N, C-alpha and C. Protein backbone atom coordinates (compact mmCIF):
# COMPACT_ATOMS: atom_id res chain seq x y z
N GLU A 1 0.83 -1.21 0.00
CA GLU A 1 0.00 0.00 0.00
C GLU A 1 0.86 1.27 0.00
N SER A 2 2.02 1.24 0.64
CA SER A 2 2.87 2.43 0.69
C SER A 2 3.40 2.78 -0.71
N LYS A 3 3.64 1.76 -1.56
CA LYS A 3 4.08 2.03 -2.93
C LYS A 3 2.98 2.73 -3.72
N GLN A 4 1.72 2.32 -3.51
CA GLN A 4 0.60 2.95 -4.21
C GLN A 4 0.44 4.40 -3.77
N SER A 5 0.56 4.67 -2.50
CA SER A 5 0.40 6.06 -2.03
C SER A 5 1.56 6.93 -2.50
N LEU A 6 2.76 6.35 -2.56
CA LEU A 6 3.89 7.10 -3.11
C LEU A 6 3.62 7.44 -4.57
N PHE A 7 3.17 6.47 -5.36
CA PHE A 7 2.86 6.70 -6.77
C PHE A 7 1.78 7.76 -6.92
N LYS A 8 0.73 7.68 -6.13
CA LYS A 8 -0.36 8.67 -6.21
C LYS A 8 0.11 10.06 -5.84
N SER A 9 1.13 10.16 -5.00
CA SER A 9 1.62 11.48 -4.56
C SER A 9 2.25 12.28 -5.70
N PHE A 10 2.58 11.62 -6.81
CA PHE A 10 3.17 12.31 -7.96
C PHE A 10 2.12 13.00 -8.84
N PHE A 11 0.85 12.81 -8.55
CA PHE A 11 -0.23 13.34 -9.37
C PHE A 11 -1.11 14.29 -8.56
N THR A 12 -1.80 15.17 -9.27
CA THR A 12 -2.69 16.12 -8.63
C THR A 12 -3.95 16.27 -9.48
N SER A 13 -5.01 16.67 -8.85
CA SER A 13 -6.23 16.96 -9.60
C SER A 13 -6.40 18.46 -9.79
N ALA A 14 -5.51 19.25 -9.19
CA ALA A 14 -5.58 20.71 -9.31
C ALA A 14 -5.05 21.15 -10.67
N PRO A 15 -5.78 22.02 -11.37
CA PRO A 15 -5.29 22.50 -12.68
C PRO A 15 -4.07 23.41 -12.48
N PRO A 16 -3.19 23.50 -13.49
CA PRO A 16 -2.02 24.37 -13.37
C PRO A 16 -2.42 25.84 -13.37
N ASN A 17 -1.62 26.66 -12.73
CA ASN A 17 -1.82 28.11 -12.75
C ASN A 17 -1.13 28.66 -13.99
N LEU A 18 -1.89 28.90 -15.04
CA LEU A 18 -1.32 29.38 -16.30
C LEU A 18 -1.31 30.91 -16.34
N SER A 19 -0.28 31.45 -16.93
CA SER A 19 -0.15 32.89 -17.08
C SER A 19 -1.19 33.40 -18.09
N VAL A 20 -1.79 34.54 -17.80
CA VAL A 20 -2.83 35.07 -18.70
C VAL A 20 -2.23 35.66 -19.98
N ASP A 21 -0.95 36.06 -19.95
CA ASP A 21 -0.34 36.65 -21.15
C ASP A 21 0.61 35.69 -21.86
N ARG A 22 0.33 34.38 -21.78
CA ARG A 22 1.22 33.40 -22.41
C ARG A 22 1.12 33.40 -23.93
N LYS A 23 0.06 33.96 -24.49
CA LYS A 23 -0.09 34.09 -25.95
C LYS A 23 0.03 35.55 -26.32
N TYR A 24 1.00 35.87 -27.17
CA TYR A 24 1.23 37.25 -27.59
C TYR A 24 0.23 37.65 -28.67
N SER A 25 -0.33 38.84 -28.54
CA SER A 25 -1.31 39.30 -29.53
C SER A 25 -1.00 40.71 -30.04
N GLY A 26 0.23 41.18 -29.81
CA GLY A 26 0.61 42.51 -30.27
C GLY A 26 0.94 42.55 -31.75
N ASP A 27 1.35 43.74 -32.21
CA ASP A 27 1.66 43.94 -33.63
C ASP A 27 3.11 43.65 -33.98
N GLY A 28 4.00 43.62 -33.00
CA GLY A 28 5.42 43.46 -33.26
C GLY A 28 5.92 42.05 -32.98
N VAL A 29 7.13 42.00 -32.43
CA VAL A 29 7.79 40.75 -32.06
C VAL A 29 8.07 40.80 -30.57
N ARG A 30 7.68 39.74 -29.85
CA ARG A 30 7.96 39.67 -28.41
C ARG A 30 9.00 38.58 -28.16
N LEU A 31 10.02 38.91 -27.37
CA LEU A 31 11.03 37.94 -26.97
C LEU A 31 10.94 37.76 -25.46
N ARG A 32 10.96 36.50 -25.03
CA ARG A 32 10.98 36.19 -23.60
C ARG A 32 12.14 35.25 -23.32
N TYR A 33 12.97 35.64 -22.36
CA TYR A 33 14.13 34.85 -21.99
C TYR A 33 13.76 33.94 -20.83
N PHE A 34 13.86 32.63 -21.05
CA PHE A 34 13.49 31.63 -20.05
C PHE A 34 14.69 31.12 -19.27
N GLY A 35 15.88 31.55 -19.62
CA GLY A 35 17.09 31.11 -18.94
C GLY A 35 18.00 30.33 -19.86
N HIS A 36 19.28 30.34 -19.54
CA HIS A 36 20.37 29.71 -20.29
C HIS A 36 20.27 30.08 -21.77
N ALA A 37 19.86 29.18 -22.65
CA ALA A 37 19.75 29.49 -24.07
C ALA A 37 18.31 29.44 -24.55
N CYS A 38 17.36 29.37 -23.64
CA CYS A 38 15.94 29.22 -24.00
C CYS A 38 15.28 30.59 -24.17
N ILE A 39 14.85 30.84 -25.40
CA ILE A 39 14.18 32.10 -25.74
C ILE A 39 12.93 31.79 -26.54
N LEU A 40 11.84 32.43 -26.17
CA LEU A 40 10.58 32.32 -26.91
C LEU A 40 10.42 33.59 -27.73
N VAL A 41 10.28 33.43 -29.05
CA VAL A 41 10.09 34.56 -29.97
C VAL A 41 8.68 34.41 -30.54
N GLU A 42 7.88 35.48 -30.44
CA GLU A 42 6.48 35.40 -30.87
C GLU A 42 6.05 36.62 -31.66
N THR A 43 5.19 36.35 -32.62
CA THR A 43 4.37 37.38 -33.23
C THR A 43 2.93 36.95 -32.97
N ARG A 44 2.00 37.72 -33.46
CA ARG A 44 0.59 37.34 -33.30
C ARG A 44 0.30 35.98 -33.93
N SER A 45 1.03 35.63 -35.01
CA SER A 45 0.67 34.42 -35.75
C SER A 45 1.69 33.28 -35.66
N VAL A 46 2.85 33.48 -35.06
CA VAL A 46 3.85 32.40 -34.98
C VAL A 46 4.60 32.46 -33.65
N SER A 47 4.90 31.28 -33.11
CA SER A 47 5.71 31.18 -31.89
C SER A 47 6.88 30.24 -32.15
N ILE A 48 8.08 30.66 -31.73
CA ILE A 48 9.31 29.90 -31.96
C ILE A 48 10.06 29.82 -30.64
N LEU A 49 10.31 28.61 -30.19
CA LEU A 49 10.99 28.38 -28.91
C LEU A 49 12.35 27.76 -29.18
N PHE A 50 13.42 28.46 -28.79
CA PHE A 50 14.79 27.98 -28.98
C PHE A 50 15.27 27.26 -27.72
N ASP A 51 15.91 26.10 -27.91
CA ASP A 51 16.55 25.32 -26.85
C ASP A 51 15.73 25.26 -25.57
N PRO A 52 14.63 24.52 -25.58
CA PRO A 52 13.69 24.54 -24.45
C PRO A 52 14.18 23.83 -23.19
N VAL A 53 14.91 24.58 -22.39
CA VAL A 53 15.25 24.17 -21.03
C VAL A 53 14.60 25.23 -20.15
N ILE A 54 13.50 24.84 -19.51
CA ILE A 54 12.65 25.81 -18.82
C ILE A 54 12.68 25.55 -17.33
N GLY A 55 12.88 26.62 -16.56
CA GLY A 55 13.00 26.52 -15.11
C GLY A 55 11.66 26.32 -14.41
N TYR A 56 11.78 26.08 -13.12
CA TYR A 56 10.63 25.89 -12.26
C TYR A 56 10.31 27.19 -11.55
N PRO A 57 9.06 27.38 -11.14
CA PRO A 57 8.74 28.61 -10.41
C PRO A 57 9.40 28.63 -9.03
N ILE A 58 10.04 29.74 -8.73
CA ILE A 58 10.65 29.95 -7.42
C ILE A 58 10.27 31.35 -6.99
N LYS A 59 9.67 31.46 -5.84
CA LYS A 59 9.27 32.77 -5.33
C LYS A 59 10.33 33.31 -4.38
N THR A 60 11.08 34.29 -4.87
CA THR A 60 12.10 34.94 -4.06
C THR A 60 11.97 36.45 -4.25
N GLU A 61 12.74 37.18 -3.51
CA GLU A 61 12.74 38.63 -3.65
C GLU A 61 13.26 39.03 -5.04
N GLU A 62 14.17 38.24 -5.60
CA GLU A 62 14.71 38.51 -6.93
C GLU A 62 13.63 38.45 -8.00
N ASP A 63 12.62 37.58 -7.81
CA ASP A 63 11.54 37.46 -8.80
C ASP A 63 10.81 38.78 -9.00
N GLN A 64 10.83 39.62 -8.00
CA GLN A 64 10.16 40.91 -8.13
C GLN A 64 10.93 41.83 -9.07
N LYS A 65 12.26 41.62 -9.19
CA LYS A 65 13.11 42.47 -10.03
C LYS A 65 13.18 41.97 -11.47
N VAL A 66 13.37 40.66 -11.62
CA VAL A 66 13.51 40.06 -12.95
C VAL A 66 12.49 38.94 -13.07
N PRO A 67 11.59 39.03 -14.05
CA PRO A 67 10.58 37.97 -14.17
C PRO A 67 11.22 36.63 -14.50
N ARG A 68 10.68 35.57 -13.94
CA ARG A 68 11.15 34.22 -14.21
C ARG A 68 10.02 33.50 -14.93
N TYR A 69 10.26 33.15 -16.17
CA TYR A 69 9.24 32.46 -16.95
C TYR A 69 9.36 30.95 -16.76
N THR A 70 8.22 30.28 -16.75
CA THR A 70 8.16 28.84 -16.54
C THR A 70 7.24 28.21 -17.58
N LEU A 71 6.94 26.94 -17.42
CA LEU A 71 6.01 26.27 -18.34
C LEU A 71 4.65 26.95 -18.35
N ALA A 72 4.28 27.61 -17.26
CA ALA A 72 2.99 28.31 -17.19
C ALA A 72 2.93 29.49 -18.15
N ASP A 73 4.09 29.94 -18.66
CA ASP A 73 4.15 31.09 -19.57
C ASP A 73 4.28 30.69 -21.03
N ILE A 74 4.30 29.40 -21.31
CA ILE A 74 4.40 28.90 -22.68
C ILE A 74 3.01 28.93 -23.31
N PRO A 75 2.90 29.40 -24.57
CA PRO A 75 1.57 29.42 -25.22
C PRO A 75 1.02 28.00 -25.41
N ASP A 76 -0.27 27.92 -25.66
CA ASP A 76 -0.94 26.63 -25.84
C ASP A 76 -0.42 25.87 -27.05
N ASN A 77 0.04 26.61 -28.07
CA ASN A 77 0.60 26.00 -29.27
C ASN A 77 1.95 26.63 -29.57
N ILE A 78 2.93 25.78 -29.86
CA ILE A 78 4.25 26.25 -30.26
C ILE A 78 4.46 25.82 -31.70
N ASP A 79 4.60 26.80 -32.58
CA ASP A 79 4.74 26.49 -34.00
C ASP A 79 6.07 25.81 -34.31
N TYR A 80 7.16 26.30 -33.71
CA TYR A 80 8.48 25.74 -33.96
C TYR A 80 9.28 25.67 -32.67
N VAL A 81 9.83 24.51 -32.39
CA VAL A 81 10.88 24.36 -31.40
C VAL A 81 12.16 24.22 -32.20
N VAL A 82 13.17 25.02 -31.88
CA VAL A 82 14.43 25.02 -32.62
C VAL A 82 15.55 24.60 -31.67
N LEU A 83 16.29 23.56 -32.06
CA LEU A 83 17.36 23.00 -31.23
C LEU A 83 18.72 23.32 -31.85
N THR A 84 19.66 23.79 -31.02
CA THR A 84 20.98 24.14 -31.54
C THR A 84 21.93 22.96 -31.56
N HIS A 85 21.95 22.15 -30.48
CA HIS A 85 22.84 21.00 -30.43
C HIS A 85 22.42 20.06 -29.31
N ASN A 86 22.95 18.85 -29.38
CA ASN A 86 22.50 17.78 -28.50
C ASN A 86 23.30 17.70 -27.20
N HIS A 87 23.25 18.76 -26.43
CA HIS A 87 23.77 18.75 -25.07
C HIS A 87 22.59 18.96 -24.13
N GLN A 88 22.65 18.38 -22.95
CA GLN A 88 21.50 18.36 -22.05
C GLN A 88 21.12 19.74 -21.51
N ASP A 89 21.95 20.74 -21.68
CA ASP A 89 21.54 22.09 -21.30
C ASP A 89 20.90 22.83 -22.48
N HIS A 90 20.63 22.09 -23.59
CA HIS A 90 19.94 22.65 -24.75
C HIS A 90 18.79 21.77 -25.22
N ILE A 91 18.92 20.48 -25.03
CA ILE A 91 17.83 19.53 -25.30
C ILE A 91 17.58 18.79 -23.99
N LEU A 92 16.58 19.20 -23.26
CA LEU A 92 16.26 18.55 -21.98
C LEU A 92 14.96 17.78 -22.18
N PHE A 93 15.07 16.45 -22.12
CA PHE A 93 13.91 15.61 -22.44
C PHE A 93 12.77 15.79 -21.45
N GLU A 94 13.07 16.11 -20.21
CA GLU A 94 12.00 16.35 -19.25
C GLU A 94 11.11 17.51 -19.70
N THR A 95 11.73 18.54 -20.27
CA THR A 95 10.96 19.68 -20.78
C THR A 95 10.29 19.32 -22.10
N LEU A 96 11.02 18.70 -23.01
CA LEU A 96 10.43 18.35 -24.31
C LEU A 96 9.19 17.47 -24.15
N LEU A 97 9.25 16.52 -23.25
CA LEU A 97 8.09 15.65 -23.06
C LEU A 97 6.88 16.42 -22.52
N GLN A 98 7.12 17.43 -21.69
CA GLN A 98 6.02 18.24 -21.19
C GLN A 98 5.43 19.15 -22.27
N LEU A 99 6.21 19.46 -23.29
CA LEU A 99 5.76 20.34 -24.37
C LEU A 99 5.22 19.57 -25.57
N ARG A 100 5.44 18.27 -25.60
CA ARG A 100 5.17 17.45 -26.79
C ARG A 100 3.78 17.69 -27.38
N HIS A 101 2.76 17.83 -26.56
CA HIS A 101 1.39 18.00 -27.06
C HIS A 101 1.14 19.38 -27.66
N LYS A 102 2.06 20.33 -27.46
CA LYS A 102 1.87 21.70 -27.94
C LYS A 102 2.62 22.00 -29.24
N VAL A 103 3.60 21.15 -29.58
CA VAL A 103 4.57 21.46 -30.63
C VAL A 103 4.09 20.97 -32.00
N LYS A 104 4.15 21.89 -33.00
CA LYS A 104 3.80 21.54 -34.38
C LYS A 104 5.01 21.09 -35.20
N ASN A 105 6.15 21.74 -35.00
CA ASN A 105 7.36 21.46 -35.77
C ASN A 105 8.58 21.54 -34.86
N ILE A 106 9.56 20.65 -35.10
CA ILE A 106 10.84 20.76 -34.40
C ILE A 106 11.92 20.87 -35.48
N VAL A 107 12.74 21.91 -35.37
CA VAL A 107 13.84 22.17 -36.30
C VAL A 107 15.13 21.83 -35.56
N PHE A 108 15.99 21.05 -36.20
CA PHE A 108 17.22 20.61 -35.54
C PHE A 108 18.29 20.33 -36.60
N PRO A 109 19.57 20.31 -36.17
CA PRO A 109 20.65 20.07 -37.12
C PRO A 109 20.75 18.60 -37.52
N ALA A 110 21.13 18.37 -38.77
CA ALA A 110 21.36 17.01 -39.26
C ALA A 110 22.65 16.46 -38.67
N SER A 111 22.68 15.16 -38.43
CA SER A 111 23.88 14.51 -37.91
C SER A 111 24.56 13.74 -39.03
N GLN A 112 25.73 13.18 -38.70
CA GLN A 112 26.40 12.28 -39.63
C GLN A 112 25.67 10.95 -39.60
N ILE A 113 25.35 10.42 -40.71
CA ILE A 113 24.66 9.14 -40.76
C ILE A 113 25.61 8.03 -40.33
N GLY A 114 25.19 7.25 -39.35
CA GLY A 114 25.95 6.09 -38.92
C GLY A 114 27.08 6.37 -37.96
N SER A 115 27.19 7.56 -37.42
CA SER A 115 28.27 7.87 -36.49
C SER A 115 27.77 7.76 -35.06
N LEU A 116 28.41 6.89 -34.27
CA LEU A 116 28.02 6.73 -32.86
C LEU A 116 28.29 8.00 -32.06
N GLY A 117 29.30 8.76 -32.45
CA GLY A 117 29.64 10.00 -31.75
C GLY A 117 28.73 11.15 -32.09
N ASP A 118 27.90 10.99 -33.09
CA ASP A 118 27.01 12.06 -33.55
C ASP A 118 25.61 11.48 -33.76
N PRO A 119 24.92 11.15 -32.67
CA PRO A 119 23.62 10.47 -32.80
C PRO A 119 22.58 11.34 -33.50
N SER A 120 21.64 10.68 -34.15
CA SER A 120 20.58 11.35 -34.90
C SER A 120 19.53 11.92 -33.95
N ILE A 121 19.40 13.23 -33.93
CA ILE A 121 18.36 13.89 -33.14
C ILE A 121 16.99 13.48 -33.67
N LYS A 122 16.89 13.31 -34.98
CA LYS A 122 15.62 12.91 -35.59
C LYS A 122 15.14 11.56 -35.04
N LEU A 123 16.04 10.58 -35.00
CA LEU A 123 15.65 9.26 -34.48
C LEU A 123 15.31 9.32 -32.99
N ILE A 124 16.06 10.10 -32.24
CA ILE A 124 15.78 10.23 -30.81
C ILE A 124 14.38 10.79 -30.61
N LEU A 125 14.05 11.88 -31.30
CA LEU A 125 12.72 12.50 -31.16
C LEU A 125 11.62 11.55 -31.61
N LYS A 126 11.86 10.87 -32.71
CA LYS A 126 10.87 9.93 -33.24
C LYS A 126 10.58 8.82 -32.24
N TYR A 127 11.62 8.25 -31.64
CA TYR A 127 11.43 7.10 -30.77
C TYR A 127 10.99 7.46 -29.35
N ILE A 128 11.02 8.74 -28.99
CA ILE A 128 10.42 9.11 -27.70
C ILE A 128 9.00 9.64 -27.90
N GLY A 129 8.48 9.53 -29.12
CA GLY A 129 7.07 9.76 -29.33
C GLY A 129 6.67 11.08 -29.95
N PHE A 130 7.58 11.81 -30.56
CA PHE A 130 7.19 13.05 -31.23
C PHE A 130 6.61 12.72 -32.59
N SER A 131 5.34 13.05 -32.77
CA SER A 131 4.68 12.79 -34.04
C SER A 131 4.51 14.08 -34.85
N CYS A 132 5.04 15.18 -34.34
CA CYS A 132 4.95 16.45 -35.07
C CYS A 132 5.91 16.41 -36.26
N ASN A 133 5.93 17.47 -37.03
CA ASN A 133 6.80 17.58 -38.19
C ASN A 133 8.24 17.76 -37.72
N LEU A 134 9.11 16.80 -38.04
CA LEU A 134 10.53 16.87 -37.66
C LEU A 134 11.32 17.38 -38.86
N ILE A 135 11.96 18.56 -38.71
CA ILE A 135 12.64 19.23 -39.81
C ILE A 135 14.15 19.23 -39.54
N GLU A 136 14.86 18.41 -40.29
CA GLU A 136 16.30 18.28 -40.14
C GLU A 136 16.99 19.22 -41.13
N LEU A 137 17.81 20.14 -40.61
CA LEU A 137 18.46 21.14 -41.47
C LEU A 137 19.95 20.91 -41.57
N LYS A 138 20.50 21.26 -42.73
CA LYS A 138 21.94 21.36 -42.91
C LYS A 138 22.27 22.84 -43.02
N GLU A 139 23.55 23.16 -42.95
CA GLU A 139 23.98 24.56 -43.02
C GLU A 139 23.42 25.25 -44.25
N MET A 140 22.91 26.43 -44.06
CA MET A 140 22.36 27.33 -45.08
C MET A 140 21.01 26.89 -45.64
N GLU A 141 20.43 25.83 -45.12
CA GLU A 141 19.06 25.47 -45.51
C GLU A 141 18.09 26.33 -44.72
N GLU A 142 16.88 26.49 -45.25
CA GLU A 142 15.90 27.41 -44.67
C GLU A 142 14.57 26.73 -44.39
N VAL A 143 13.89 27.28 -43.41
CA VAL A 143 12.49 26.96 -43.15
C VAL A 143 11.72 28.26 -43.35
N ILE A 144 10.82 28.27 -44.30
CA ILE A 144 10.01 29.46 -44.57
C ILE A 144 8.82 29.43 -43.62
N LEU A 145 8.65 30.50 -42.87
CA LEU A 145 7.56 30.59 -41.90
C LEU A 145 6.24 30.92 -42.61
N PRO A 146 5.12 30.48 -42.08
CA PRO A 146 3.83 30.72 -42.74
C PRO A 146 3.44 32.20 -42.75
N ALA A 147 2.54 32.52 -43.64
CA ALA A 147 1.94 33.85 -43.76
C ALA A 147 2.97 34.95 -44.01
N GLY A 148 4.07 34.61 -44.66
CA GLY A 148 5.06 35.63 -44.99
C GLY A 148 5.73 36.25 -43.79
N GLU A 149 5.71 35.56 -42.64
CA GLU A 149 6.30 36.11 -41.41
C GLU A 149 7.81 36.22 -41.48
N GLY A 150 8.48 35.30 -42.21
CA GLY A 150 9.93 35.33 -42.27
C GLY A 150 10.50 33.96 -42.53
N LYS A 151 11.73 33.72 -42.02
CA LYS A 151 12.37 32.44 -42.24
C LYS A 151 13.42 32.16 -41.18
N ILE A 152 13.70 30.87 -41.00
CA ILE A 152 14.77 30.38 -40.13
C ILE A 152 15.83 29.80 -41.05
N THR A 153 17.09 30.23 -40.90
CA THR A 153 18.18 29.72 -41.71
C THR A 153 19.22 29.07 -40.82
N GLY A 154 19.63 27.85 -41.16
CA GLY A 154 20.69 27.16 -40.44
C GLY A 154 22.04 27.73 -40.81
N LEU A 155 22.87 28.02 -39.80
CA LEU A 155 24.20 28.60 -40.02
C LEU A 155 25.26 27.70 -39.40
N PRO A 156 26.50 27.80 -39.87
CA PRO A 156 27.57 27.01 -39.25
C PRO A 156 27.70 27.32 -37.76
N PHE A 157 27.99 26.30 -36.99
CA PHE A 157 28.15 26.39 -35.54
C PHE A 157 29.61 26.09 -35.25
N PHE A 158 30.34 27.08 -34.80
CA PHE A 158 31.76 26.91 -34.47
C PHE A 158 31.89 26.79 -32.96
N GLY A 159 32.48 25.71 -32.52
CA GLY A 159 32.69 25.52 -31.10
C GLY A 159 32.12 24.21 -30.62
N GLU A 160 32.33 23.93 -29.32
CA GLU A 160 31.90 22.69 -28.68
C GLU A 160 32.56 21.49 -29.34
N HIS A 161 32.59 20.39 -28.72
CA HIS A 161 33.04 19.09 -29.23
C HIS A 161 34.51 19.03 -29.63
N SER A 162 35.32 19.99 -29.20
CA SER A 162 36.75 20.01 -29.53
C SER A 162 36.95 19.81 -31.03
N ASP A 163 37.77 18.86 -31.42
CA ASP A 163 38.02 18.63 -32.84
C ASP A 163 37.28 17.42 -33.37
N LEU A 164 36.30 16.93 -32.64
CA LEU A 164 35.53 15.78 -33.11
C LEU A 164 34.65 16.19 -34.28
N ASN A 165 34.42 15.28 -35.18
CA ASN A 165 33.61 15.56 -36.35
C ASN A 165 32.12 15.38 -36.02
N ILE A 166 31.61 16.30 -35.23
CA ILE A 166 30.20 16.30 -34.83
C ILE A 166 29.48 17.31 -35.72
N GLN A 167 28.49 16.84 -36.48
CA GLN A 167 27.75 17.71 -37.39
C GLN A 167 26.43 18.21 -36.80
N SER A 168 25.91 17.53 -35.79
CA SER A 168 24.58 17.87 -35.27
C SER A 168 24.64 19.07 -34.33
N LYS A 169 25.05 20.18 -34.89
CA LYS A 169 25.06 21.46 -34.18
C LYS A 169 24.83 22.56 -35.20
N MET A 170 24.07 23.57 -34.80
CA MET A 170 23.66 24.59 -35.76
C MET A 170 23.41 25.90 -35.03
N ALA A 171 23.84 26.99 -35.64
CA ALA A 171 23.41 28.32 -35.23
C ALA A 171 22.28 28.71 -36.17
N TYR A 172 21.49 29.71 -35.80
CA TYR A 172 20.33 30.05 -36.62
C TYR A 172 20.19 31.55 -36.80
N SER A 173 19.80 31.91 -38.00
CA SER A 173 19.37 33.27 -38.31
C SER A 173 17.84 33.23 -38.38
N LEU A 174 17.21 34.16 -37.71
CA LEU A 174 15.76 34.26 -37.75
C LEU A 174 15.40 35.63 -38.29
N LYS A 175 14.70 35.66 -39.43
CA LYS A 175 14.15 36.90 -39.96
C LYS A 175 12.66 36.84 -39.69
N LEU A 176 12.16 37.84 -38.98
CA LEU A 176 10.77 37.83 -38.54
C LEU A 176 10.23 39.25 -38.51
N LYS A 177 9.20 39.49 -39.30
CA LYS A 177 8.55 40.81 -39.35
C LYS A 177 9.55 41.95 -39.57
N GLY A 178 10.48 41.75 -40.50
CA GLY A 178 11.44 42.80 -40.82
C GLY A 178 12.58 42.94 -39.84
N LYS A 179 12.65 42.11 -38.82
CA LYS A 179 13.75 42.13 -37.86
C LYS A 179 14.62 40.90 -38.10
N HIS A 180 15.89 41.00 -37.68
CA HIS A 180 16.84 39.92 -37.90
C HIS A 180 17.49 39.56 -36.57
N PHE A 181 17.44 38.27 -36.20
CA PHE A 181 17.99 37.78 -34.94
C PHE A 181 19.00 36.68 -35.23
N LEU A 182 20.02 36.57 -34.38
CA LEU A 182 21.02 35.52 -34.49
C LEU A 182 21.01 34.71 -33.20
N PHE A 183 20.89 33.39 -33.31
CA PHE A 183 20.92 32.48 -32.17
C PHE A 183 22.10 31.56 -32.38
N ALA A 184 23.17 31.77 -31.60
CA ALA A 184 24.41 31.01 -31.76
C ALA A 184 24.88 30.54 -30.39
N ALA A 185 24.07 29.71 -29.74
CA ALA A 185 24.37 29.23 -28.39
C ALA A 185 25.67 28.44 -28.37
N ASP A 186 26.54 28.75 -27.42
CA ASP A 186 27.80 28.03 -27.16
C ASP A 186 28.80 28.07 -28.31
N SER A 187 28.63 28.93 -29.28
CA SER A 187 29.57 28.96 -30.39
C SER A 187 30.77 29.85 -30.06
N ASN A 188 31.88 29.63 -30.75
CA ASN A 188 33.10 30.42 -30.57
C ASN A 188 33.13 31.53 -31.61
N ASN A 189 33.67 32.65 -31.21
CA ASN A 189 33.86 33.75 -32.15
C ASN A 189 35.14 33.52 -32.94
N LEU A 190 35.08 33.76 -34.22
CA LEU A 190 36.27 33.66 -35.07
C LEU A 190 36.54 35.00 -35.70
N ASP A 191 37.82 35.30 -35.91
CA ASP A 191 38.19 36.56 -36.58
C ASP A 191 37.74 36.53 -38.03
């Protein structure tokens, strides 16, 4: 009986406290920083979440100064989740599994076929149950966003993995509503 009560303690019947402004409806572009490399970029018609590692709610005096966004602040639908590389501070399966029902598309870098040192992100996502559109990009390939909103372009990622031939890493250019953003998590600057 103690095992059953322990198991039941992991569940609740109380609904989550969702943020009222989790869906952006303004005319421009809204960016929300969730911590580390996780950024949510939204317009009225598209939402793009980069490297979804999302923190837990913590009520401290600091929260009054700098807002801390959590899963409660994620919109009901995420059009694109964009992954830079396969490190656990950028692809956290605990978070991805909680978002799985909201995600329409996942954009990620292509790996080397058949390399044990460079596992396929596509196969990993497929076998943990993602049935959304899985979009594997190579450098300079593009994803055109709907309704003429803009595009996501895969860029070379310099850094990480020392001199190993790891291909499953990507920086991204995002053009959205006439603005241009660069997402280059953990990359090295070159002259």
